[in-house]
């Protein structure tokens, strides 16, 4: 299969810069699959899993904390606040973060701004747990096209 250049960028670093056969991402409008030659495209990403398929048949999954996806003629770019490969996620830390978020949600019942921030923290923690495989509801890897 043909490959395309993929860049995944966070505020701290270039998380990934290389070739891919396919990218599957969750946007605000639903899941999207990107292959070489995809038409120009832009979308807002939800907090979720990002699946990167490689020419050697390997698939890697990353947890991303929202962001944007842009497909141009030269490359596909994902810009996100945070990205972690599934095998590098510290599930114990993610579980502590989940518990902390739940406590903050309970403590902020009459403070909508704080509750919204705590809900976002909870979403990120649950996503990291799902992607790492430490959540009872693991993410199902989409089939390669």
N, C-alpha and C. Protein backbone atom coordinates (compact mmCIF):
# COMPACT_ATOMS: atom_id res chain seq x y z
N UNK A 1 0.84 -1.19 0.00
CA UNK A 1 0.00 0.00 0.00
C UNK A 1 0.87 1.24 0.00
N UNK A 2 0.33 2.32 -0.53
CA UNK A 2 1.05 3.59 -0.55
C UNK A 2 1.09 4.18 0.85
N UNK A 3 2.16 4.92 1.12
CA UNK A 3 2.28 5.59 2.41
C UNK A 3 2.14 7.09 2.22
N UNK A 4 1.94 7.78 3.33
CA UNK A 4 1.91 9.24 3.35
C UNK A 4 2.68 9.71 4.58
N UNK A 5 3.11 10.95 4.56
CA UNK A 5 3.83 11.51 5.70
C UNK A 5 2.83 11.94 6.76
N UNK A 6 3.10 11.52 8.00
CA UNK A 6 2.25 11.83 9.14
C UNK A 6 3.08 12.54 10.19
N UNK A 7 2.57 13.65 10.67
CA UNK A 7 3.17 14.34 11.80
C UNK A 7 2.13 14.45 12.90
N UNK A 8 2.53 14.08 14.13
CA UNK A 8 1.69 14.28 15.31
C UNK A 8 2.47 15.22 16.22
N UNK A 9 1.89 16.39 16.48
CA UNK A 9 2.60 17.45 17.18
C UNK A 9 1.86 17.81 18.47
N UNK A 10 2.61 17.93 19.57
CA UNK A 10 2.09 18.42 20.84
C UNK A 10 2.81 19.74 21.15
N UNK A 11 2.36 20.48 22.15
CA UNK A 11 3.07 21.72 22.49
C UNK A 11 4.53 21.48 22.91
N UNK A 12 4.82 20.29 23.42
CA UNK A 12 6.16 19.99 23.93
C UNK A 12 7.12 19.44 22.89
N UNK A 13 6.58 18.74 21.88
CA UNK A 13 7.49 18.05 20.96
C UNK A 13 6.75 17.58 19.70
N UNK A 14 7.54 17.11 18.77
CA UNK A 14 6.97 16.37 17.63
C UNK A 14 6.88 14.93 18.10
N UNK A 15 5.68 14.48 18.35
CA UNK A 15 5.43 13.15 18.91
C UNK A 15 5.76 12.07 17.89
N UNK A 16 5.40 12.29 16.64
CA UNK A 16 5.70 11.34 15.56
C UNK A 16 5.87 12.11 14.26
N UNK A 17 6.87 11.70 13.49
CA UNK A 17 7.09 12.28 12.17
C UNK A 17 7.65 11.17 11.30
N UNK A 18 6.80 10.63 10.44
CA UNK A 18 7.23 9.54 9.59
C UNK A 18 6.13 9.11 8.65
N UNK A 19 6.33 7.95 8.05
CA UNK A 19 5.35 7.43 7.09
C UNK A 19 4.30 6.57 7.77
N UNK A 20 3.12 6.55 7.19
CA UNK A 20 2.02 5.70 7.64
C UNK A 20 1.24 5.24 6.41
N UNK A 21 0.55 4.14 6.56
CA UNK A 21 -0.32 3.62 5.51
C UNK A 21 -1.74 4.12 5.72
N UNK A 22 -2.13 4.23 6.99
CA UNK A 22 -3.48 4.68 7.33
C UNK A 22 -3.47 5.32 8.70
N UNK A 23 -4.34 6.28 8.89
CA UNK A 23 -4.59 6.92 10.18
C UNK A 23 -6.08 6.87 10.41
N UNK A 24 -6.49 6.44 11.58
CA UNK A 24 -7.89 6.48 11.96
C UNK A 24 -8.01 7.33 13.22
N UNK A 25 -8.91 8.32 13.19
CA UNK A 25 -9.06 9.25 14.29
C UNK A 25 -10.53 9.52 14.55
N UNK A 26 -10.82 9.90 15.78
CA UNK A 26 -12.19 10.26 16.16
C UNK A 26 -12.32 11.78 16.10
N UNK A 27 -13.18 12.25 15.22
CA UNK A 27 -13.44 13.68 15.11
C UNK A 27 -14.76 14.00 15.80
N UNK A 28 -15.09 15.27 15.86
CA UNK A 28 -16.37 15.67 16.45
C UNK A 28 -17.54 15.19 15.59
N UNK A 29 -17.27 14.83 14.34
CA UNK A 29 -18.31 14.36 13.43
C UNK A 29 -18.32 12.84 13.27
N UNK A 30 -17.40 12.16 13.95
CA UNK A 30 -17.32 10.70 13.85
C UNK A 30 -15.92 10.26 13.47
N UNK A 31 -15.73 8.97 13.28
CA UNK A 31 -14.41 8.43 12.94
C UNK A 31 -14.09 8.73 11.48
N UNK A 32 -12.81 8.99 11.23
CA UNK A 32 -12.34 9.24 9.88
C UNK A 32 -11.09 8.41 9.64
N UNK A 33 -10.98 7.87 8.44
CA UNK A 33 -9.79 7.13 8.04
C UNK A 33 -9.07 7.89 6.94
N UNK A 34 -7.77 8.02 7.09
CA UNK A 34 -6.96 8.75 6.12
C UNK A 34 -6.01 7.76 5.46
N UNK A 35 -5.99 7.76 4.14
CA UNK A 35 -5.07 6.95 3.34
C UNK A 35 -4.26 7.89 2.45
N UNK A 36 -3.19 7.37 1.85
CA UNK A 36 -2.40 8.16 0.91
C UNK A 36 -3.32 8.68 -0.20
N UNK A 37 -3.12 9.92 -0.60
CA UNK A 37 -3.93 10.51 -1.66
C UNK A 37 -5.26 11.07 -1.20
N UNK A 38 -5.51 11.06 0.13
CA UNK A 38 -6.77 11.61 0.65
C UNK A 38 -6.92 13.07 0.23
N UNK A 39 -8.12 13.46 -0.05
CA UNK A 39 -8.39 14.84 -0.41
C UNK A 39 -8.07 15.76 0.76
N UNK A 40 -7.84 17.02 0.47
CA UNK A 40 -7.57 17.99 1.54
C UNK A 40 -8.75 17.97 2.51
N UNK A 41 -8.40 18.06 3.79
CA UNK A 41 -9.43 17.85 4.81
C UNK A 41 -8.95 18.49 6.11
N UNK A 42 -9.87 18.97 6.91
CA UNK A 42 -9.56 19.48 8.25
C UNK A 42 -10.71 19.11 9.17
N UNK A 43 -10.38 18.77 10.41
CA UNK A 43 -11.41 18.38 11.38
C UNK A 43 -10.91 18.64 12.79
N UNK A 44 -11.86 18.79 13.69
CA UNK A 44 -11.55 18.91 15.11
C UNK A 44 -11.57 17.50 15.70
N UNK A 45 -10.52 17.17 16.47
CA UNK A 45 -10.44 15.85 17.09
C UNK A 45 -11.04 15.87 18.49
N UNK A 46 -11.68 14.78 18.83
CA UNK A 46 -12.17 14.58 20.19
C UNK A 46 -11.07 13.88 20.99
N UNK A 47 -11.15 13.96 22.30
CA UNK A 47 -10.27 13.15 23.13
C UNK A 47 -10.60 11.70 22.82
N UNK A 48 -9.58 10.93 22.46
CA UNK A 48 -9.83 9.55 22.08
C UNK A 48 -8.57 8.86 21.62
N UNK A 49 -8.77 7.78 20.90
CA UNK A 49 -7.66 6.99 20.40
C UNK A 49 -7.34 7.38 18.97
N UNK A 50 -6.07 7.33 18.65
CA UNK A 50 -5.56 7.58 17.30
C UNK A 50 -4.87 6.30 16.89
N UNK A 51 -5.23 5.74 15.74
CA UNK A 51 -4.65 4.49 15.26
C UNK A 51 -3.77 4.77 14.06
N UNK A 52 -2.52 4.36 14.15
CA UNK A 52 -1.57 4.57 13.07
C UNK A 52 -1.15 3.20 12.54
N UNK A 53 -1.36 2.99 11.24
CA UNK A 53 -1.04 1.72 10.58
C UNK A 53 0.21 1.93 9.73
N UNK A 54 1.14 0.98 9.82
CA UNK A 54 2.42 1.11 9.13
C UNK A 54 2.56 0.09 8.01
N UNK A 55 3.50 0.35 7.12
CA UNK A 55 3.73 -0.49 5.95
C UNK A 55 4.10 -1.93 6.31
N UNK A 56 4.77 -2.12 7.44
CA UNK A 56 5.19 -3.46 7.86
C UNK A 56 4.06 -4.26 8.52
N UNK A 57 2.84 -3.68 8.56
CA UNK A 57 1.69 -4.37 9.14
C UNK A 57 1.46 -4.02 10.60
N UNK A 58 2.38 -3.31 11.22
CA UNK A 58 2.24 -2.92 12.62
C UNK A 58 1.18 -1.83 12.76
N UNK A 59 0.48 -1.86 13.88
CA UNK A 59 -0.48 -0.81 14.25
C UNK A 59 -0.10 -0.30 15.62
N UNK A 60 -0.07 1.01 15.75
CA UNK A 60 0.18 1.62 17.07
C UNK A 60 -1.01 2.49 17.42
N UNK A 61 -1.35 2.49 18.70
CA UNK A 61 -2.47 3.28 19.20
C UNK A 61 -1.93 4.34 20.14
N UNK A 62 -2.44 5.54 19.99
CA UNK A 62 -2.06 6.64 20.87
C UNK A 62 -3.31 7.25 21.49
N UNK A 63 -3.19 7.66 22.74
CA UNK A 63 -4.24 8.43 23.39
C UNK A 63 -3.96 9.89 23.10
N UNK A 64 -4.95 10.60 22.57
CA UNK A 64 -4.79 12.03 22.30
C UNK A 64 -5.86 12.81 23.05
N UNK A 65 -5.50 14.03 23.43
CA UNK A 65 -6.41 14.89 24.19
C UNK A 65 -6.96 15.97 23.27
N UNK A 66 -7.83 15.55 22.36
CA UNK A 66 -8.44 16.51 21.45
C UNK A 66 -7.43 17.09 20.49
N UNK A 67 -7.84 18.11 19.75
CA UNK A 67 -6.92 18.77 18.84
C UNK A 67 -7.52 18.98 17.47
N UNK A 68 -6.63 18.97 16.47
CA UNK A 68 -7.06 19.20 15.09
C UNK A 68 -6.31 18.26 14.16
N UNK A 69 -6.96 17.95 13.06
CA UNK A 69 -6.41 17.08 12.02
C UNK A 69 -6.45 17.86 10.72
N UNK A 70 -5.33 17.87 10.00
CA UNK A 70 -5.30 18.56 8.71
C UNK A 70 -4.62 17.67 7.69
N UNK A 71 -5.28 17.45 6.57
CA UNK A 71 -4.71 16.69 5.47
C UNK A 71 -4.43 17.67 4.33
N UNK A 72 -3.17 17.72 3.90
CA UNK A 72 -2.80 18.55 2.76
C UNK A 72 -2.18 17.64 1.70
N UNK A 73 -1.78 18.22 0.59
CA UNK A 73 -1.15 17.41 -0.45
C UNK A 73 0.19 16.85 0.00
N UNK A 74 0.89 17.54 0.90
CA UNK A 74 2.22 17.14 1.32
C UNK A 74 2.22 16.16 2.49
N UNK A 75 1.28 16.32 3.43
CA UNK A 75 1.30 15.51 4.65
C UNK A 75 -0.02 15.60 5.38
N UNK A 76 -0.14 14.73 6.39
CA UNK A 76 -1.26 14.78 7.31
C UNK A 76 -0.69 15.19 8.66
N UNK A 77 -1.33 16.18 9.29
CA UNK A 77 -0.84 16.70 10.56
C UNK A 77 -1.93 16.58 11.62
N UNK A 78 -1.53 16.07 12.78
CA UNK A 78 -2.38 16.05 13.96
C UNK A 78 -1.74 16.98 14.98
N UNK A 79 -2.49 17.95 15.44
CA UNK A 79 -2.02 18.84 16.49
C UNK A 79 -2.90 18.59 17.71
N UNK A 80 -2.27 18.23 18.82
CA UNK A 80 -3.01 17.87 20.02
C UNK A 80 -2.30 18.38 21.26
N UNK A 81 -3.03 18.60 22.33
CA UNK A 81 -2.41 19.07 23.57
C UNK A 81 -1.56 17.99 24.22
N UNK A 82 -1.93 16.72 24.02
CA UNK A 82 -1.17 15.62 24.61
C UNK A 82 -1.35 14.36 23.78
N UNK A 83 -0.28 13.58 23.67
CA UNK A 83 -0.33 12.30 22.96
C UNK A 83 0.60 11.32 23.66
N UNK A 84 0.14 10.08 23.80
CA UNK A 84 0.94 9.02 24.41
C UNK A 84 0.66 7.72 23.69
N UNK A 85 1.71 6.98 23.35
CA UNK A 85 1.52 5.65 22.81
C UNK A 85 0.93 4.77 23.90
N UNK A 86 0.07 3.86 23.53
CA UNK A 86 -0.64 3.01 24.49
C UNK A 86 0.31 2.32 25.46
N UNK A 87 1.40 1.78 24.94
CA UNK A 87 2.33 1.02 25.79
C UNK A 87 3.15 1.90 26.73
N UNK A 88 3.08 3.22 26.56
CA UNK A 88 3.84 4.13 27.42
C UNK A 88 2.97 4.81 28.48
N UNK A 89 1.68 4.52 28.48
CA UNK A 89 0.76 5.15 29.44
C UNK A 89 0.98 4.55 30.82
N UNK A 90 1.08 5.42 31.81
CA UNK A 90 1.17 5.01 33.21
C UNK A 90 -0.27 4.85 33.72
N UNK A 91 -0.76 3.63 33.72
CA UNK A 91 -2.16 3.38 34.08
C UNK A 91 -2.45 3.71 35.53
N UNK A 92 -1.47 3.52 36.42
CA UNK A 92 -1.68 3.87 37.83
C UNK A 92 -1.90 5.38 37.97
N UNK A 93 -1.09 6.17 37.25
CA UNK A 93 -1.24 7.62 37.29
C UNK A 93 -2.59 8.02 36.70
N UNK A 94 -2.99 7.38 35.62
CA UNK A 94 -4.27 7.68 34.98
C UNK A 94 -5.43 7.36 35.93
N UNK A 95 -5.31 6.28 36.67
CA UNK A 95 -6.36 5.91 37.64
C UNK A 95 -6.43 6.94 38.77
N UNK A 96 -5.28 7.39 39.25
CA UNK A 96 -5.27 8.44 40.29
C UNK A 96 -5.89 9.73 39.74
N UNK A 97 -5.60 10.03 38.51
CA UNK A 97 -6.17 11.22 37.86
C UNK A 97 -7.69 11.08 37.73
N UNK A 98 -8.16 9.89 37.41
CA UNK A 98 -9.61 9.64 37.31
C UNK A 98 -10.27 9.87 38.66
N UNK A 99 -9.67 9.32 39.72
CA UNK A 99 -10.24 9.47 41.06
C UNK A 99 -10.23 10.93 41.51
N UNK A 100 -9.14 11.64 41.20
CA UNK A 100 -9.05 13.06 41.54
C UNK A 100 -10.13 13.86 40.80
N UNK A 101 -10.35 13.54 39.52
CA UNK A 101 -11.38 14.23 38.74
C UNK A 101 -12.76 13.99 39.32
N UNK A 102 -13.05 12.75 39.70
CA UNK A 102 -14.34 12.44 40.30
C UNK A 102 -14.55 13.22 41.60
N UNK A 103 -13.50 13.33 42.42
CA UNK A 103 -13.60 14.09 43.67
C UNK A 103 -13.85 15.58 43.37
N UNK A 104 -13.18 16.10 42.35
CA UNK A 104 -13.37 17.51 41.99
C UNK A 104 -14.77 17.76 41.43
N UNK A 105 -15.30 16.79 40.69
CA UNK A 105 -16.67 16.93 40.18
C UNK A 105 -17.65 17.00 41.35
N UNK A 106 -17.48 16.11 42.31
CA UNK A 106 -18.36 16.08 43.47
C UNK A 106 -18.26 17.37 44.29
N UNK A 107 -17.05 17.93 44.39
CA UNK A 107 -16.84 19.13 45.20
C UNK A 107 -17.25 20.41 44.48
N UNK A 108 -17.53 20.35 43.20
CA UNK A 108 -17.81 21.57 42.44
C UNK A 108 -19.24 21.61 41.90
N UNK A 109 -20.16 21.02 42.62
CA UNK A 109 -21.55 20.94 42.14
C UNK A 109 -22.15 22.29 41.78
N UNK A 110 -21.82 23.34 42.52
CA UNK A 110 -22.41 24.66 42.26
C UNK A 110 -21.43 25.60 41.57
N UNK A 111 -20.36 25.06 40.97
CA UNK A 111 -19.36 25.88 40.28
C UNK A 111 -19.15 25.30 38.87
N UNK A 112 -19.95 25.76 37.90
CA UNK A 112 -19.91 25.18 36.56
C UNK A 112 -18.54 25.19 35.89
N UNK A 113 -17.77 26.27 36.08
CA UNK A 113 -16.44 26.32 35.45
C UNK A 113 -15.52 25.23 35.98
N UNK A 114 -15.51 25.08 37.29
CA UNK A 114 -14.65 24.05 37.90
C UNK A 114 -15.14 22.65 37.52
N UNK A 115 -16.45 22.50 37.47
CA UNK A 115 -17.00 21.20 37.12
C UNK A 115 -16.65 20.83 35.68
N UNK A 116 -16.69 21.80 34.78
CA UNK A 116 -16.34 21.55 33.38
C UNK A 116 -14.87 21.12 33.26
N UNK A 117 -13.97 21.82 33.96
CA UNK A 117 -12.55 21.44 33.94
C UNK A 117 -12.36 20.04 34.50
N UNK A 118 -13.07 19.72 35.58
CA UNK A 118 -12.96 18.39 36.18
C UNK A 118 -13.50 17.32 35.23
N UNK A 119 -14.57 17.63 34.51
CA UNK A 119 -15.12 16.68 33.53
C UNK A 119 -14.13 16.42 32.40
N UNK A 120 -13.44 17.47 31.94
CA UNK A 120 -12.42 17.29 30.91
C UNK A 120 -11.27 16.42 31.42
N UNK A 121 -10.87 16.65 32.66
CA UNK A 121 -9.81 15.83 33.27
C UNK A 121 -10.26 14.37 33.35
N UNK A 122 -11.51 14.16 33.70
CA UNK A 122 -12.05 12.80 33.78
C UNK A 122 -12.04 12.14 32.40
N UNK A 123 -12.45 12.86 31.37
CA UNK A 123 -12.44 12.31 30.01
C UNK A 123 -11.04 11.89 29.59
N UNK A 124 -10.05 12.74 29.88
CA UNK A 124 -8.66 12.42 29.52
C UNK A 124 -8.17 11.19 30.27
N UNK A 125 -8.49 11.10 31.56
CA UNK A 125 -8.05 9.96 32.36
C UNK A 125 -8.70 8.67 31.87
N UNK A 126 -10.00 8.71 31.59
CA UNK A 126 -10.69 7.52 31.08
C UNK A 126 -10.15 7.10 29.72
N UNK A 127 -9.84 8.07 28.86
CA UNK A 127 -9.27 7.76 27.56
C UNK A 127 -7.92 7.06 27.72
N UNK A 128 -7.07 7.57 28.60
CA UNK A 128 -5.76 6.95 28.82
C UNK A 128 -5.93 5.53 29.35
N UNK A 129 -6.89 5.32 30.25
CA UNK A 129 -7.12 3.97 30.77
C UNK A 129 -7.62 3.03 29.68
N UNK A 130 -8.54 3.50 28.84
CA UNK A 130 -9.06 2.67 27.75
C UNK A 130 -7.96 2.31 26.76
N UNK A 131 -7.20 3.31 26.33
CA UNK A 131 -6.16 3.09 25.33
C UNK A 131 -5.07 2.17 25.88
N UNK A 132 -4.76 2.29 27.17
CA UNK A 132 -3.71 1.44 27.77
C UNK A 132 -4.19 0.02 27.99
N UNK A 133 -5.50 -0.21 27.87
CA UNK A 133 -6.05 -1.55 28.10
C UNK A 133 -6.35 -1.82 29.56
N UNK A 134 -6.27 -0.81 30.42
CA UNK A 134 -6.49 -0.99 31.86
C UNK A 134 -7.91 -0.63 32.29
N UNK A 135 -8.76 -0.36 31.32
CA UNK A 135 -10.15 -0.03 31.61
C UNK A 135 -11.00 -1.24 31.20
N UNK A 136 -12.04 -1.56 31.94
CA UNK A 136 -12.87 -2.70 31.55
C UNK A 136 -13.57 -2.54 30.21
N UNK A 137 -13.57 -1.32 29.66
CA UNK A 137 -14.20 -1.06 28.37
C UNK A 137 -13.12 -0.66 27.37
N UNK A 138 -12.26 -1.59 26.91
CA UNK A 138 -11.17 -1.20 26.02
C UNK A 138 -11.67 -0.72 24.67
N UNK A 139 -10.85 0.09 24.04
CA UNK A 139 -11.15 0.61 22.72
C UNK A 139 -10.93 -0.52 21.70
N UNK A 140 -11.84 -0.64 20.77
CA UNK A 140 -11.70 -1.64 19.70
C UNK A 140 -10.92 -1.03 18.55
N UNK A 141 -9.84 -1.66 18.14
CA UNK A 141 -9.05 -1.15 17.03
C UNK A 141 -9.83 -1.33 15.74
N UNK A 142 -10.01 -0.25 14.97
CA UNK A 142 -10.73 -0.37 13.70
C UNK A 142 -9.95 -1.26 12.73
N UNK A 143 -10.65 -1.91 11.85
CA UNK A 143 -10.03 -2.75 10.82
C UNK A 143 -9.31 -1.89 9.80
N UNK A 144 -8.15 -2.38 9.37
CA UNK A 144 -7.38 -1.69 8.33
C UNK A 144 -8.13 -1.84 7.03
N UNK A 145 -8.17 -0.78 6.23
CA UNK A 145 -8.88 -0.80 4.94
C UNK A 145 -8.11 -1.63 3.93
